[in-house]
């Protein structure tokens, strides 16, 4: 590998303090109530249901595919009719 100083640096910059605070909070927070778990479960079920419902409409189905043109999705969701977008 050449080290002439060309190209971009591969060193990752330190995250912003606010971003680090959010990540620490999410990682360290302990859910302690059944109501919080139930609410999270219902939100997840609702999100999956809305996504599956959207697959009934071609305009929405196109939005759920990969964003990079030419991407091949080897393991497709059974609800979709496409293996490529």
N, C-alpha and C. Protein backbone atom coordinates (compact mmCIF):
# COMPACT_ATOMS: atom_id res chain seq x y z
N UNK A 1 0.85 -1.19 0.00
CA UNK A 1 0.00 0.00 0.00
C UNK A 1 0.88 1.24 0.00
N UNK A 2 0.55 2.15 -0.84
CA UNK A 2 1.33 3.37 -0.97
C UNK A 2 0.91 4.39 0.08
N UNK A 3 1.86 5.14 0.60
CA UNK A 3 1.53 6.14 1.62
C UNK A 3 2.02 7.51 1.17
N UNK A 4 1.52 7.94 0.02
CA UNK A 4 1.93 9.22 -0.53
C UNK A 4 1.08 10.38 -0.02
N UNK A 5 0.08 10.10 0.81
CA UNK A 5 -0.75 11.17 1.32
C UNK A 5 -1.91 11.54 0.41
N UNK A 6 -2.16 10.74 -0.61
CA UNK A 6 -3.28 11.02 -1.50
C UNK A 6 -4.53 10.33 -0.97
N UNK A 7 -5.67 10.86 -1.32
CA UNK A 7 -6.93 10.24 -0.93
C UNK A 7 -7.42 10.76 0.41
N UNK A 8 -8.51 10.15 0.83
CA UNK A 8 -9.14 10.56 2.08
C UNK A 8 -8.53 9.83 3.26
N UNK A 9 -8.61 10.45 4.41
CA UNK A 9 -8.12 9.83 5.63
C UNK A 9 -9.06 8.69 6.03
N UNK A 10 -8.50 7.63 6.55
CA UNK A 10 -9.32 6.52 7.03
C UNK A 10 -9.59 6.61 8.53
N UNK A 11 -9.13 7.66 9.16
CA UNK A 11 -9.37 7.86 10.59
C UNK A 11 -10.77 8.41 10.80
N UNK A 12 -11.49 7.78 11.70
CA UNK A 12 -12.85 8.24 11.99
C UNK A 12 -12.78 9.38 12.98
N UNK A 13 -13.47 10.51 12.69
CA UNK A 13 -13.45 11.62 13.66
C UNK A 13 -14.28 11.26 14.89
N UNK A 14 -13.99 11.92 15.99
CA UNK A 14 -14.77 11.70 17.21
C UNK A 14 -16.20 12.20 16.99
N UNK A 15 -17.20 11.51 17.54
CA UNK A 15 -18.58 11.97 17.37
C UNK A 15 -18.83 13.26 18.15
N UNK A 16 -19.83 14.00 17.72
CA UNK A 16 -20.24 15.20 18.44
C UNK A 16 -20.64 14.82 19.86
N UNK A 17 -20.50 15.74 20.78
CA UNK A 17 -20.85 15.48 22.18
C UNK A 17 -22.33 15.14 22.31
N UNK A 18 -23.19 15.85 21.58
CA UNK A 18 -24.63 15.60 21.67
C UNK A 18 -24.95 14.19 21.16
N UNK A 19 -24.35 13.80 20.06
CA UNK A 19 -24.55 12.46 19.51
C UNK A 19 -24.07 11.40 20.50
N UNK A 20 -22.95 11.63 21.12
CA UNK A 20 -22.42 10.69 22.11
C UNK A 20 -23.35 10.60 23.32
N UNK A 21 -23.89 11.74 23.77
CA UNK A 21 -24.82 11.75 24.90
C UNK A 21 -26.08 10.93 24.59
N UNK A 22 -26.61 11.09 23.37
CA UNK A 22 -27.81 10.35 22.96
C UNK A 22 -27.50 8.85 22.92
N UNK A 23 -26.37 8.49 22.31
CA UNK A 23 -25.99 7.07 22.22
C UNK A 23 -25.80 6.47 23.61
N UNK A 24 -25.17 7.19 24.51
CA UNK A 24 -24.97 6.70 25.88
C UNK A 24 -26.31 6.50 26.58
N UNK A 25 -27.21 7.45 26.41
CA UNK A 25 -28.53 7.36 27.05
C UNK A 25 -29.28 6.13 26.54
N UNK A 26 -29.31 5.95 25.22
CA UNK A 26 -30.03 4.82 24.63
C UNK A 26 -29.40 3.50 25.06
N UNK A 27 -28.09 3.45 25.09
CA UNK A 27 -27.40 2.21 25.44
C UNK A 27 -27.55 1.86 26.91
N UNK A 28 -27.51 2.84 27.78
CA UNK A 28 -27.48 2.59 29.22
C UNK A 28 -28.86 2.59 29.89
N UNK A 29 -29.90 3.07 29.20
CA UNK A 29 -31.22 3.19 29.81
C UNK A 29 -31.81 1.81 30.08
N UNK A 30 -32.36 1.61 31.24
CA UNK A 30 -32.99 0.35 31.61
C UNK A 30 -34.51 0.56 31.67
N UNK A 31 -35.22 -0.15 30.82
CA UNK A 31 -36.69 -0.08 30.82
C UNK A 31 -37.17 -0.84 32.05
N UNK A 32 -37.99 -0.18 32.86
CA UNK A 32 -38.36 -0.79 34.14
C UNK A 32 -39.87 -1.01 34.31
N UNK A 33 -40.68 -0.60 33.35
CA UNK A 33 -42.11 -0.77 33.52
C UNK A 33 -42.70 -1.64 32.42
N UNK A 34 -43.72 -2.38 32.78
CA UNK A 34 -44.42 -3.20 31.79
C UNK A 34 -45.11 -2.33 30.74
N UNK A 35 -45.58 -1.15 31.17
CA UNK A 35 -46.24 -0.25 30.23
C UNK A 35 -45.30 0.19 29.11
N UNK A 36 -44.05 0.46 29.45
CA UNK A 36 -43.07 0.87 28.43
C UNK A 36 -42.82 -0.27 27.45
N UNK A 37 -42.67 -1.51 27.93
CA UNK A 37 -42.45 -2.65 27.05
C UNK A 37 -43.67 -2.88 26.15
N UNK A 38 -44.86 -2.78 26.72
CA UNK A 38 -46.08 -2.98 25.94
C UNK A 38 -46.23 -1.90 24.87
N UNK A 39 -45.92 -0.66 25.22
CA UNK A 39 -46.00 0.44 24.25
C UNK A 39 -45.00 0.21 23.12
N UNK A 40 -43.79 -0.19 23.45
CA UNK A 40 -42.77 -0.45 22.42
C UNK A 40 -43.21 -1.60 21.52
N UNK A 41 -43.80 -2.64 22.10
CA UNK A 41 -44.28 -3.78 21.32
C UNK A 41 -45.37 -3.37 20.35
N UNK A 42 -46.31 -2.57 20.84
CA UNK A 42 -47.40 -2.10 19.99
C UNK A 42 -46.89 -1.19 18.87
N UNK A 43 -45.91 -0.35 19.17
CA UNK A 43 -45.31 0.51 18.14
C UNK A 43 -44.63 -0.32 17.06
N UNK A 44 -43.92 -1.36 17.46
CA UNK A 44 -43.25 -2.22 16.50
C UNK A 44 -44.27 -2.95 15.62
N UNK A 45 -45.30 -3.51 16.24
CA UNK A 45 -46.34 -4.21 15.47
C UNK A 45 -47.02 -3.26 14.50
N UNK A 46 -47.30 -2.04 14.93
CA UNK A 46 -47.94 -1.05 14.07
C UNK A 46 -47.04 -0.68 12.89
N UNK A 47 -45.75 -0.52 13.15
CA UNK A 47 -44.80 -0.18 12.09
C UNK A 47 -44.72 -1.29 11.05
N UNK A 48 -44.64 -2.53 11.51
CA UNK A 48 -44.59 -3.66 10.57
C UNK A 48 -45.90 -3.74 9.79
N UNK A 49 -47.02 -3.57 10.46
CA UNK A 49 -48.31 -3.60 9.78
C UNK A 49 -48.45 -2.52 8.73
N UNK A 50 -48.01 -1.31 9.03
CA UNK A 50 -48.07 -0.22 8.05
C UNK A 50 -47.17 -0.50 6.86
N UNK A 51 -46.00 -1.07 7.11
CA UNK A 51 -45.09 -1.42 6.01
C UNK A 51 -45.70 -2.47 5.11
N UNK A 52 -46.30 -3.51 5.70
CA UNK A 52 -46.93 -4.55 4.89
C UNK A 52 -48.15 -4.02 4.14
N UNK A 53 -48.91 -3.17 4.77
CA UNK A 53 -50.07 -2.56 4.09
C UNK A 53 -49.61 -1.72 2.91
N UNK A 54 -48.50 -1.01 3.08
CA UNK A 54 -47.98 -0.17 1.99
C UNK A 54 -47.57 -0.98 0.78
N UNK A 55 -47.23 -2.26 0.97
CA UNK A 55 -46.83 -3.09 -0.16
C UNK A 55 -47.97 -3.36 -1.12
N UNK A 56 -49.20 -3.05 -0.73
CA UNK A 56 -50.35 -3.21 -1.62
C UNK A 56 -50.38 -2.13 -2.71
N UNK A 57 -49.63 -1.07 -2.52
CA UNK A 57 -49.66 0.05 -3.44
C UNK A 57 -48.31 0.19 -4.14
N UNK A 58 -48.30 0.14 -5.49
CA UNK A 58 -47.02 0.21 -6.22
C UNK A 58 -46.19 1.45 -5.88
N UNK A 59 -46.85 2.59 -5.65
CA UNK A 59 -46.11 3.81 -5.33
C UNK A 59 -45.35 3.65 -4.01
N UNK A 60 -45.95 2.99 -3.05
CA UNK A 60 -45.28 2.77 -1.76
C UNK A 60 -44.25 1.65 -1.86
N UNK A 61 -44.58 0.62 -2.61
CA UNK A 61 -43.67 -0.52 -2.74
C UNK A 61 -42.32 -0.08 -3.31
N UNK A 62 -42.37 0.85 -4.26
CA UNK A 62 -41.12 1.34 -4.85
C UNK A 62 -40.26 2.07 -3.81
N UNK A 63 -40.88 2.72 -2.86
CA UNK A 63 -40.14 3.46 -1.84
C UNK A 63 -39.48 2.54 -0.81
N UNK A 64 -39.91 1.29 -0.73
CA UNK A 64 -39.39 0.38 0.28
C UNK A 64 -38.19 -0.43 -0.21
N UNK A 65 -37.79 -0.22 -1.43
CA UNK A 65 -36.64 -0.97 -1.95
C UNK A 65 -35.34 -0.29 -1.61
N UNK A 66 -34.25 -0.90 -2.03
CA UNK A 66 -32.94 -0.28 -1.81
C UNK A 66 -32.83 1.07 -2.51
N UNK A 67 -32.05 1.97 -1.98
CA UNK A 67 -31.92 3.30 -2.56
C UNK A 67 -30.88 3.36 -3.67
N UNK A 68 -29.94 2.43 -3.66
CA UNK A 68 -28.86 2.44 -4.64
C UNK A 68 -29.31 1.67 -5.88
N UNK A 69 -29.34 2.34 -7.05
CA UNK A 69 -29.76 1.66 -8.26
C UNK A 69 -28.89 0.43 -8.55
N UNK A 70 -29.54 -0.65 -8.98
CA UNK A 70 -28.82 -1.87 -9.33
C UNK A 70 -28.56 -2.80 -8.16
N UNK A 71 -29.03 -2.42 -6.97
CA UNK A 71 -28.80 -3.28 -5.81
C UNK A 71 -29.62 -4.56 -5.96
N UNK A 72 -29.00 -5.68 -5.69
CA UNK A 72 -29.67 -6.96 -5.72
C UNK A 72 -29.93 -7.39 -4.28
N UNK A 73 -31.17 -7.78 -4.00
CA UNK A 73 -31.55 -8.21 -2.66
C UNK A 73 -31.73 -9.73 -2.70
N UNK A 74 -30.76 -10.49 -2.19
CA UNK A 74 -30.82 -11.94 -2.31
C UNK A 74 -31.94 -12.59 -1.51
N UNK A 75 -32.25 -12.05 -0.35
CA UNK A 75 -33.32 -12.64 0.47
C UNK A 75 -34.44 -11.62 0.60
N UNK A 76 -35.44 -11.78 -0.25
CA UNK A 76 -36.52 -10.82 -0.33
C UNK A 76 -37.63 -11.16 0.65
N UNK A 77 -38.29 -10.15 1.16
CA UNK A 77 -39.46 -10.35 2.01
C UNK A 77 -40.53 -11.06 1.20
N UNK A 78 -41.14 -12.12 1.74
CA UNK A 78 -42.15 -12.86 0.98
C UNK A 78 -43.33 -12.01 0.55
N UNK A 79 -43.57 -10.88 1.23
CA UNK A 79 -44.71 -10.04 0.88
C UNK A 79 -44.48 -9.25 -0.41
N UNK A 80 -43.23 -9.13 -0.85
CA UNK A 80 -42.96 -8.37 -2.06
C UNK A 80 -42.95 -9.29 -3.27
N UNK A 81 -43.19 -8.71 -4.40
CA UNK A 81 -43.19 -9.48 -5.65
C UNK A 81 -41.89 -9.28 -6.39
N UNK A 82 -40.98 -8.50 -5.86
CA UNK A 82 -39.77 -8.17 -6.58
C UNK A 82 -38.54 -8.71 -5.86
N UNK A 83 -37.53 -9.06 -6.64
CA UNK A 83 -36.26 -9.40 -6.05
C UNK A 83 -35.23 -8.33 -6.37
N UNK A 84 -35.56 -7.44 -7.28
CA UNK A 84 -34.68 -6.33 -7.64
C UNK A 84 -35.52 -5.06 -7.75
N UNK A 85 -34.89 -3.95 -7.42
CA UNK A 85 -35.57 -2.66 -7.60
C UNK A 85 -34.85 -1.92 -8.69
